[in-house]
PDB file of N, CA and C in Angstrom:
ATOM      1  N   MET A   1      79.279  88.649 122.135  1.00  0.00           N
ATOM      2  CA  MET A   1      79.502  89.884 121.619  1.00  0.00           C
ATOM      3  C   MET A   1      78.807  90.474 121.050  1.00  0.00           C
ATOM      4  N   GLU A   2      77.753  90.669 121.835  1.00  0.00           N
ATOM      5  CA  GLU A   2      76.734  91.659 121.610  1.00  0.00           C
ATOM      6  C   GLU A   2      76.532  92.733 122.630  1.00  0.00           C
ATOM      7  N   SER A   3      77.449  92.235 124.083  1.00  0.00           N
ATOM      8  CA  SER A   3      77.617  92.905 125.073  1.00  0.00           C
ATOM      9  C   SER A   3      78.724  94.197 124.577  1.00  0.00           C
ATOM     10  N   ILE A   4      79.291  93.547 123.756  1.00  0.00           N
ATOM     11  CA  ILE A   4      80.736  94.670 123.605  1.00  0.00           C
ATOM     12  C   ILE A   4      79.912  95.585 122.121  1.00  0.00           C
ATOM     13  N   SER A   5      79.611  95.197 121.291  1.00  0.00           N
ATOM     14  CA  SER A   5      78.485  95.409 120.527  1.00  0.00           C
ATOM     15  C   SER A   5      77.654  97.217 121.194  1.00  0.00           C
ATOM     16  N   LEU A   6      77.229  96.999 121.874  1.00  0.00           N
ATOM     17  CA  LEU A   6      76.815  97.827 122.848  1.00  0.00           C
ATOM     18  C   LEU A   6      77.594  98.639 124.030  1.00  0.00           C
ATOM     19  N   LEU A   7      78.567  98.126 124.234  1.00  0.00           N
ATOM     20  CA  LEU A   7      79.284  98.949 124.732  1.00  0.00           C
ATOM     21  C   LEU A   7      80.471  99.998 124.030  1.00  0.00           C
ATOM     22  N   LEU A   8      80.365  99.375 122.461  1.00  0.00           N
ATOM     23  CA  LEU A   8      80.894 100.609 121.841  1.00  0.00           C
ATOM     24  C   LEU A   8      79.951 101.630 121.459  1.00  0.00           C
ATOM     25  N   GLY A   9      78.542 100.933 121.293  1.00  0.00           N
ATOM     26  CA  GLY A   9      77.771 101.853 120.417  1.00  0.00           C
ATOM     27  C   GLY A   9      77.854 102.964 121.761  1.00  0.00           C
ATOM     28  N   GLU A  10      77.392 103.412 122.780  1.00  0.00           N
ATOM     29  CA  GLU A  10      77.133 103.664 123.319  1.00  0.00           C
ATOM     30  C   GLU A  10      78.834 104.418 123.632  1.00  0.00           C
ATOM     31  N   ALA A  11      80.316 104.037 123.550  1.00  0.00           N
ATOM     32  CA  ALA A  11      81.043 104.805 123.921  1.00  0.00           C
ATOM     33  C   ALA A  11      81.564 105.435 121.973  1.00  0.00           C
ATOM     34  N   LEU A  12      80.609 105.298 121.284  1.00  0.00           N
ATOM     35  CA  LEU A  12      81.088 105.908 119.788  1.00  0.00           C
ATOM     36  C   LEU A  12      79.492 106.233 119.176  1.00  0.00           C
ATOM     37  N   SER A  13      78.533 107.295 120.342  1.00  0.00           N
ATOM     38  CA  SER A  13      77.259 107.421 119.778  1.00  0.00           C
ATOM     39  C   SER A  13      77.978 108.646 119.659  1.00  0.00           C
ATOM     40  N   PRO A  14      77.469 109.334 118.422  1.00  0.00           N
ATOM     41  CA  PRO A  14      76.181 109.132 117.684  1.00  0.00           C
ATOM     42  C   PRO A  14      76.101 108.150 116.489  1.00  0.00           C
ATOM     43  N   TYR A  15      77.285 107.804 116.496  1.00  0.00           N
ATOM     44  CA  TYR A  15      77.273 106.664 115.252  1.00  0.00           C
ATOM     45  C   TYR A  15      76.892 105.059 115.523  1.00  0.00           C
ATOM     46  N   GLN A  16      76.389 104.289 114.369  1.00  0.00           N
ATOM     47  CA  GLN A  16      75.828 103.489 114.364  1.00  0.00           C
ATOM     48  C   GLN A  16      77.263 102.334 114.428  1.00  0.00           C
ATOM     49  N   VAL A  17      76.969 101.222 115.379  1.00  0.00           N
ATOM     50  CA  VAL A  17      78.641 100.230 115.319  1.00  0.00           C
ATOM     51  C   VAL A  17      77.933  99.183 115.327  1.00  0.00           C
ATOM     52  N   THR A  18      78.291  98.076 114.225  1.00  0.00           N
ATOM     53  CA  THR A  18      78.224  97.134 113.538  1.00  0.00           C
ATOM     54  C   THR A  18      79.537  96.460 113.874  1.00  0.00           C
ATOM     55  N   LEU A  19      78.821  94.788 114.643  1.00  0.00           N
ATOM     56  CA  LEU A  19      80.243  94.281 114.388  1.00  0.00           C
ATOM     57  C   LEU A  19      79.823  92.880 114.124  1.00  0.00           C
ATOM     58  N   THR A  20      80.838  92.276 113.040  1.00  0.00           N
ATOM     59  CA  THR A  20      80.652  91.513 112.042  1.00  0.00           C
ATOM     60  C   THR A  20      81.561  90.648 111.689  1.00  0.00           C
ATOM     61  N   PRO A  21      81.530  89.182 112.077  1.00  0.00           N
ATOM     62  CA  PRO A  21      82.415  88.108 111.998  1.00  0.00           C
ATOM     63  C   PRO A  21      84.165  88.257 110.690  1.00  0.00           C
ATOM     64  N   SER A  22      85.171  88.424 110.874  1.00  0.00           N
ATOM     65  CA  SER A  22      85.629  88.573 109.035  1.00  0.00           C
ATOM     66  C   SER A  22      86.797  87.784 109.111  1.00  0.00           C
ATOM     67  N   GLY A  23      87.118  86.815 109.690  1.00  0.00           N
ATOM     68  CA  GLY A  23      88.136  85.998 109.811  1.00  0.00           C
ATOM     69  C   GLY A  23      88.474  84.459 110.335  1.00  0.00           C
ATOM     70  N   ALA A  24      88.949  83.991 110.796  1.00  0.00           N
ATOM     71  CA  ALA A  24      89.442  82.576 110.315  1.00  0.00           C
ATOM     72  C   ALA A  24      89.465  82.356 112.104  1.00  0.00           C
ATOM     73  N   GLN A  25      90.347  83.230 112.411  1.00  0.00           N
ATOM     74  CA  GLN A  25      90.648  83.121 114.016  1.00  0.00           C
ATOM     75  C   GLN A  25      90.412  84.446 114.738  1.00  0.00           C
ATOM     76  N   GLY A  26      88.962  84.145 114.299  1.00  0.00           N
ATOM     77  CA  GLY A  26      88.288  85.284 115.511  1.00  0.00           C
ATOM     78  C   GLY A  26      88.154  87.027 115.510  1.00  0.00           C
ATOM     79  N   GLU A  27      88.662  87.413 114.393  1.00  0.00           N
ATOM     80  CA  GLU A  27      88.672  88.536 114.055  1.00  0.00           C
ATOM     81  C   GLU A  27      87.552  89.116 114.155  1.00  0.00           C
ATOM     82  N   CYS A  28      87.117  90.346 113.842  1.00  0.00           N
ATOM     83  CA  CYS A  28      85.460  90.562 113.844  1.00  0.00           C
ATOM     84  C   CYS A  28      86.038  92.395 113.289  1.00  0.00           C
ATOM     85  N   LEU A  29      84.690  92.877 112.238  1.00  0.00           N
ATOM     86  CA  LEU A  29      84.811  93.997 111.704  1.00  0.00           C
ATOM     87  C   LEU A  29      84.415  94.882 112.009  1.00  0.00           C
ATOM     88  N   VAL A  30      85.031  95.743 112.399  1.00  0.00           N
ATOM     89  CA  VAL A  30      84.165  96.945 112.791  1.00  0.00           C
ATOM     90  C   VAL A  30      83.817  97.940 112.564  1.00  0.00           C
ATOM     91  N   THR A  31      82.311  99.001 111.741  1.00  0.00           N
ATOM     92  CA  THR A  31      82.196  99.305 110.714  1.00  0.00           C
ATOM     93  C   THR A  31      81.353 100.363 111.792  1.00  0.00           C
ATOM     94  N   LEU A  32      81.603 102.022 111.640  1.00  0.00           N
ATOM     95  CA  LEU A  32      80.747 103.026 112.262  1.00  0.00           C
ATOM     96  C   LEU A  32      80.407 103.843 111.457  1.00  0.00           C
ATOM     97  N   LYS A  33      78.559 103.851 111.701  1.00  0.00           N
ATOM     98  CA  LYS A  33      77.973 104.181 109.990  1.00  0.00           C
ATOM     99  C   LYS A  33      77.323 105.620 110.837  1.00  0.00           C
ATOM    100  N   SER A  34      77.359 106.785 110.366  1.00  0.00           N
ATOM    101  CA  SER A  34      77.157 108.353 110.559  1.00  0.00           C
ATOM    102  C   SER A  34      75.220 108.592 110.721  1.00  0.00           C
ATOM    103  N   THR A  35      74.823 109.239 111.243  1.00  0.00           N
ATOM    104  CA  THR A  35      73.131 109.413 111.295  1.00  0.00           C
ATOM    105  C   THR A  35      72.402 109.236 109.702  1.00  0.00           C
ATOM    106  N   SER A  36      72.894 109.237 108.873  1.00  0.00           N
ATOM    107  CA  SER A  36      72.765 108.626 107.691  1.00  0.00           C
ATOM    108  C   SER A  36      72.387 107.783 106.693  1.00  0.00           C
ATOM    109  N   GLY A  37      73.415 107.175 107.606  1.00  0.00           N
ATOM    110  CA  GLY A  37      73.642 106.014 106.941  1.00  0.00           C
ATOM    111  C   GLY A  37      74.878 105.617 106.247  1.00  0.00           C
ATOM    112  N   ALA A  38      76.012 106.618 106.693  1.00  0.00           N
ATOM    113  CA  ALA A  38      77.197 106.774 105.325  1.00  0.00           C
ATOM    114  C   ALA A  38      78.307 105.669 106.271  1.00  0.00           C
ATOM    115  N   THR A  39      79.185 104.973 105.908  1.00  0.00           N
ATOM    116  CA  THR A  39      80.427 104.598 106.300  1.00  0.00           C
ATOM    117  C   THR A  39      81.048 105.287 106.483  1.00  0.00           C
ATOM    118  N   VAL A  40      81.707 105.468 107.981  1.00  0.00           N
ATOM    119  CA  VAL A  40      82.272 106.553 108.490  1.00  0.00           C
ATOM    120  C   VAL A  40      83.718 105.616 108.583  1.00  0.00           C
ATOM    121  N   VAL A  41      83.766 104.524 109.407  1.00  0.00           N
ATOM    122  CA  VAL A  41      85.003 103.631 109.654  1.00  0.00           C
ATOM    123  C   VAL A  41      84.867 102.902 109.699  1.00  0.00           C
ATOM    124  N   GLU A  42      86.128 101.799 109.247  1.00  0.00           N
ATOM    125  CA  GLU A  42      85.665 100.263 109.090  1.00  0.00           C
ATOM    126  C   GLU A  42      87.381  99.820 109.386  1.00  0.00           C
ATOM    127  N   ARG A  43      87.163  99.074 110.526  1.00  0.00           N
ATOM    128  CA  ARG A  43      88.771  98.524 110.680  1.00  0.00           C
ATOM    129  C   ARG A  43      88.227  97.200 111.493  1.00  0.00           C
ATOM    130  N   THR A  44      89.079  96.224 111.419  1.00  0.00           N
ATOM    131  CA  THR A  44      89.393  94.554 112.149  1.00  0.00           C
ATOM    132  C   THR A  44      90.122  94.913 113.119  1.00  0.00           C
ATOM    133  N   PHE A  45      89.235  93.952 114.054  1.00  0.00           N
ATOM    134  CA  PHE A  45      89.988  93.655 115.142  1.00  0.00           C
ATOM    135  C   PHE A  45      90.234  92.299 115.877  1.00  0.00           C
ATOM    136  N   ASN A  46      91.148  91.613 116.417  1.00  0.00           N
ATOM    137  CA  ASN A  46      91.313  90.587 117.083  1.00  0.00           C
ATOM    138  C   ASN A  46      90.361  89.995 117.953  1.00  0.00           C
ATOM    139  N   HIS A  47      89.943  88.700 117.936  1.00  0.00           N
ATOM    140  CA  HIS A  47      89.116  88.748 119.666  1.00  0.00           C
ATOM    141  C   HIS A  47      89.690  89.369 120.956  1.00  0.00           C
ATOM    142  N   ASP A  48      90.744  89.113 121.417  1.00  0.00           N
ATOM    143  CA  ASP A  48      91.247  90.105 122.375  1.00  0.00           C
ATOM    144  C   ASP A  48      90.862  91.262 122.813  1.00  0.00           C
ATOM    145  N   GLN A  49      91.383  92.084 121.495  1.00  0.00           N
ATOM    146  CA  GLN A  49      91.240  93.540 121.645  1.00  0.00           C
ATOM    147  C   GLN A  49      89.946  93.945 122.017  1.00  0.00           C
ATOM    148  N   LEU A  50      88.951  93.542 121.367  1.00  0.00           N
ATOM    149  CA  LEU A  50      87.417  92.664 121.967  1.00  0.00           C
ATOM    150  C   LEU A  50      86.892  93.253 123.108  1.00  0.00           C
ATOM    151  N   THR A  51      87.821  91.757 123.632  1.00  0.00           N
ATOM    152  CA  THR A  51      87.311  91.103 125.089  1.00  0.00           C
ATOM    153  C   THR A  51      88.155  91.819 126.514  1.00  0.00           C
ATOM    154  N   ASP A  52      89.409  92.301 126.279  1.00  0.00           N
ATOM    155  CA  ASP A  52      89.806  92.695 127.214  1.00  0.00           C
ATOM    156  C   ASP A  52      89.926  94.014 127.479  1.00  0.00           C
ATOM    157  N   LYS A  53      89.641  94.294 128.748  1.00  0.00           N
ATOM    158  CA  LYS A  53      88.488  95.841 129.125  1.00  0.00           C
ATOM    159  C   LYS A  53      89.718  97.392 128.774  1.00  0.00           C
ATOM    160  N   ARG A  54      91.145  96.766 128.681  1.00  0.00           N
ATOM    161  CA  ARG A  54      92.220  97.345 128.760  1.00  0.00           C
ATOM    162  C   ARG A  54      92.632  97.675 127.287  1.00  0.00           C
ATOM    163  N   LEU A  55      92.216  96.954 126.102  1.00  0.00           N
ATOM    164  CA  LEU A  55      92.569  97.131 125.041  1.00  0.00           C
ATOM    165  C   LEU A  55      91.207  97.520 124.376  1.00  0.00           C
ATOM    166  N   LEU A  56      89.696  97.568 124.518  1.00  0.00           N
ATOM    167  CA  LEU A  56      89.040  97.774 124.531  1.00  0.00           C
ATOM    168  C   LEU A  56      88.619  99.097 124.660  1.00  0.00           C
ATOM    169  N   THR A  57      89.018  99.623 126.027  1.00  0.00           N
ATOM    170  CA  THR A  57      89.486 100.900 125.933  1.00  0.00           C
ATOM    171  C   THR A  57      90.567 101.295 124.516  1.00  0.00           C
ATOM    172  N   ASP A  58      91.630 100.907 124.096  1.00  0.00           N
ATOM    173  CA  ASP A  58      92.077 101.148 123.230  1.00  0.00           C
ATOM    174  C   ASP A  58      91.780 101.562 121.959  1.00  0.00           C
ATOM    175  N   VAL A  59      90.741 100.730 121.605  1.00  0.00           N
ATOM    176  CA  VAL A  59      89.813  99.884 120.267  1.00  0.00           C
ATOM    177  C   VAL A  59      88.908 101.316 120.426  1.00  0.00           C
ATOM    178  N   VAL A  60      88.461 101.985 121.573  1.00  0.00           N
ATOM    179  CA  VAL A  60      87.615 103.479 121.666  1.00  0.00           C
ATOM    180  C   VAL A  60      88.358 104.337 120.948  1.00  0.00           C
ATOM    181  N   ASP A  61      89.463 104.388 122.097  1.00  0.00           N
ATOM    182  CA  ASP A  61      90.184 105.994 121.220  1.00  0.00           C
ATOM    183  C   ASP A  61      90.662 105.285 120.137  1.00  0.00           C
ATOM    184  N   GLY A  62      91.203 104.149 119.641  1.00  0.00           N
ATOM    185  CA  GLY A  62      91.281 104.570 117.491  1.00  0.00           C
ATOM    186  C   GLY A  62      90.571 105.034 116.954  1.00  0.00           C
ATOM    187  N   LEU A  63      89.167 104.429 117.404  1.00  0.00           N
ATOM    188  CA  LEU A  63      87.960 104.149 116.559  1.00  0.00           C
ATOM    189  C   LEU A  63      87.916 105.793 116.441  1.00  0.00           C
ATOM    190  N   HIS A  64      88.116 106.895 117.421  1.00  0.00           N
ATOM    191  CA  HIS A  64      87.659 107.710 117.996  1.00  0.00           C
ATOM    192  C   HIS A  64      88.337 108.636 117.067  1.00  0.00           C
ATOM    193  N   ARG A  65      89.820 108.734 117.326  1.00  0.00           N
ATOM    194  CA  ARG A  65      90.986 109.386 115.974  1.00  0.00           C
ATOM    195  C   ARG A  65      90.524 108.781 114.777  1.00  0.00           C
ATOM    196  N   ASP A  66      90.166 108.026 114.144  1.00  0.00           N
ATOM    197  CA  ASP A  66      90.086 107.674 113.335  1.00  0.00           C
ATOM    198  C   ASP A  66      88.359 108.233 112.920  1.00  0.00           C
ATOM    199  N   VAL A  67      87.899 108.895 113.112  1.00  0.00           N
ATOM    200  CA  VAL A  67      86.169 109.896 113.327  1.00  0.00           C
ATOM    201  C   VAL A  67      86.676 110.728 112.935  1.00  0.00           C
ATOM    202  N   LEU A  68      87.681 111.325 114.052  1.00  0.00           N
ATOM    203  CA  LEU A  68      88.158 112.528 113.011  1.00  0.00           C
ATOM    204  C   LEU A  68      89.202 112.720 112.513  1.00  0.00           C
ATOM    205  N   ILE A  69      89.842 111.885 111.658  1.00  0.00           N
ATOM    206  CA  ILE A  69      90.300 112.186 110.660  1.00  0.00           C
ATOM    207  C   ILE A  69      90.020 111.606 109.464  1.00  0.00           C
ATOM    208  N   ALA A  70      88.534 110.918 109.591  1.00  0.00           N
ATOM    209  CA  ALA A  70      87.814 110.550 108.253  1.00  0.00           C
ATOM    210  C   ALA A  70      86.629 111.854 108.062  1.00  0.00           C
ATOM    211  N   GLU A  71      86.434 112.671 109.165  1.00  0.00           N
ATOM    212  CA  GLU A  71      85.526 113.830 108.694  1.00  0.00           C
ATOM    213  C   GLU A  71      86.482 114.573 108.855  1.00  0.00           C
ATOM    214  N   GLY A  72      87.612 115.055 108.384  1.00  0.00           N
ATOM    215  CA  GLY A  72      88.131 116.025 108.574  1.00  0.00           C
ATOM    216  C   GLY A  72      88.575 116.774 109.553  1.00  0.00           C
ATOM    217  N   ARG A  73      88.573 116.987 110.881  1.00  0.00           N
ATOM    218  CA  ARG A  73      88.700 117.415 112.032  1.00  0.00           C
ATOM    219  C   ARG A  73      90.016 117.157 112.723  1.00  0.00           C
ATOM    220  N   LEU A  74      91.022 115.849 112.032  1.00  0.00           N
ATOM    221  CA  LEU A  74      92.368 116.401 112.822  1.00  0.00           C
ATOM    222  C   LEU A  74      93.100 115.156 111.391  1.00  0.00           C
ATOM    223  N   GLU A  75      93.853 115.736 111.199  1.00  0.00           N
ATOM    224  CA  GLU A  75      95.079 115.398 110.357  1.00  0.00           C
ATOM    225  C   GLU A  75      96.123 114.420 110.814  1.00  0.00           C
ATOM    226  N   PRO A  76      96.045 113.675 110.091  1.00  0.00           N
ATOM    227  CA  PRO A  76      97.122 112.134 110.539  1.00  0.00           C
ATOM    228  C   PRO A  76      98.661 112.736 110.715  1.00  0.00           C
ATOM    229  N   CYS A  77      99.293 114.384 110.549  1.00  0.00           N
ATOM    230  CA  CYS A  77     100.609 114.790 110.924  1.00  0.00           C
ATOM    231  C   CYS A  77      99.860 115.031 112.170  1.00  0.00           C
ATOM    232  N   VAL A  78      99.075 115.614 112.308  1.00  0.00           N
ATOM    233  CA  VAL A  78      99.110 116.353 114.270  1.00  0.00           C
ATOM    234  C   VAL A  78      99.231 115.044 114.854  1.00  0.00           C
ATOM    235  N   ILE A  79      98.772 113.898 114.637  1.00  0.00           N
ATOM    236  CA  ILE A  79      98.368 112.712 115.739  1.00  0.00           C
ATOM    237  C   ILE A  79      99.982 112.439 115.356  1.00  0.00           C
ATOM    238  N   ALA A  80     100.870 112.157 114.021  1.00  0.00           N
ATOM    239  CA  ALA A  80     102.514 112.255 114.241  1.00  0.00           C
ATOM    240  C   ALA A  80     102.823 112.895 115.121  1.00  0.00           C
ATOM    241  N   ALA A  81     102.899 113.902 114.642  1.00  0.00           N
ATOM    242  CA  ALA A  81     103.265 114.787 116.089  1.00  0.00           C
ATOM    243  C   ALA A  81     103.367 114.604 117.976  1.00  0.00           C
ATOM    244  N   LEU A  82     101.800 114.407 117.867  1.00  0.00           N
ATOM    245  CA  LEU A  82     102.001 114.254 119.226  1.00  0.00           C
ATOM    246  C   LEU A  82     102.433 112.731 119.741  1.00  0.00           C
ATOM    247  N   ARG A  83     102.362 111.785 118.921  1.00  0.00           N
ATOM    248  CA  ARG A  83     102.952 110.653 118.675  1.00  0.00           C
ATOM    249  C   ARG A  83     104.986 111.205 119.553  1.00  0.00           C
ATOM    250  N   ASN A  84     105.494 111.472 118.474  1.00  0.00           N
ATOM    251  CA  ASN A  84     106.908 111.954 118.895  1.00  0.00           C
ATOM    252  C   ASN A  84     106.973 113.095 120.501  1.00  0.00           C
ATOM    253  N   ALA A  85     106.229 114.068 120.575  1.00  0.00           N
ATOM    254  CA  ALA A  85     106.203 114.654 121.555  1.00  0.00           C
ATOM    255  C   ALA A  85     105.968 112.996 123.051  1.00  0.00           C
ATOM    256  N   ALA A  86     105.415 112.727 122.625  1.00  0.00           N
ATOM    257  CA  ALA A  86     105.389 111.526 124.256  1.00  0.00           C
ATOM    258  C   ALA A  86     106.235 110.745 124.555  1.00  0.00           C
ATOM    259  N   GLN A  87     106.293 110.396 122.869  1.00  0.00           N
ATOM    260  CA  GLN A  87     107.706 109.239 122.784  1.00  0.00           C
ATOM    261  C   GLN A  87     109.073 109.740 123.453  1.00  0.00           C
ATOM    262  N   ASP A  88     108.786 111.716 122.735  1.00  0.00           N
ATOM    263  CA  ASP A  88     110.257 112.265 123.357  1.00  0.00           C
ATOM    264  C   ASP A  88     110.291 112.393 124.891  1.00  0.00           C
ATOM    265  N   LYS A  89     108.942 112.836 126.089  1.00  0.00           N
ATOM    266  CA  LYS A  89     109.014 112.678 127.051  1.00  0.00           C
ATOM    267  C   LYS A  89     109.528 111.537 128.214  1.00  0.00           C
ATOM    268  N   ILE A  90     108.762 110.153 127.268  1.00  0.00           N
ATOM    269  CA  ILE A  90     109.567 108.720 127.901  1.00  0.00           C
ATOM    270  C   ILE A  90     110.638 108.597 127.747  1.00  0.00           C
ATOM    271  N   LEU A  91     111.752 108.748 126.769  1.00  0.00           N
ATOM    272  CA  LEU A  91     112.587 108.948 126.218  1.00  0.00           C
ATOM    273  C   LEU A  91     113.290 109.610 127.582  1.00  0.00           C
ATOM    274  N   ALA A  92     112.899 110.778 127.446  1.00  0.00           N
ATOM    275  CA  ALA A  92     113.518 111.833 128.609  1.00  0.00           C
ATOM    276  C   ALA A  92     113.318 111.015 130.335  1.00  0.00           C
ATOM    277  N   SER A  93     112.527 111.461 130.224  1.00  0.00           N
ATOM    278  CA  SER A  93     112.245 110.270 132.101  1.00  0.00           C
ATOM    279  C   SER A  93     112.773 109.343 132.352  1.00  0.00           C
ATOM    280  N   ARG A  94     113.341 108.351 131.303  1.00  0.00           N
ATOM    281  CA  ARG A  94     114.441 107.438 131.512  1.00  0.00           C
ATOM    282  C   ARG A  94     116.089 107.990 131.697  1.00  0.00           C
ATOM    283  N   ASN A  95     115.990 108.682 131.514  1.00  0.00           N
ATOM    284  CA  ASN A  95     117.369 109.727 131.866  1.00  0.00           C
ATOM    285  C   ASN A  95     117.638 109.886 132.618  1.00  0.00           C
TER     286      ASN A  95
END
């Protein structure tokens, strides 16, 4: 778990990343703190999400998005619009 913490720390710099076991089935609480020590984001992930390389990439992307929202640099409605546009492209390519 220490290597995962280091990877997340590098990917999410300058935020301090803390991993804490949080569930009976191997869940882990990931906490991001600002340089001043304030908690910016806390999310729980299952063990598989943190040990599979592809899933870990999704975790990092999601945490980046959550940080942008928490800091007011991205509105949730923008994310919804982007998801709808991506879904439309997928549906259009299947036809």
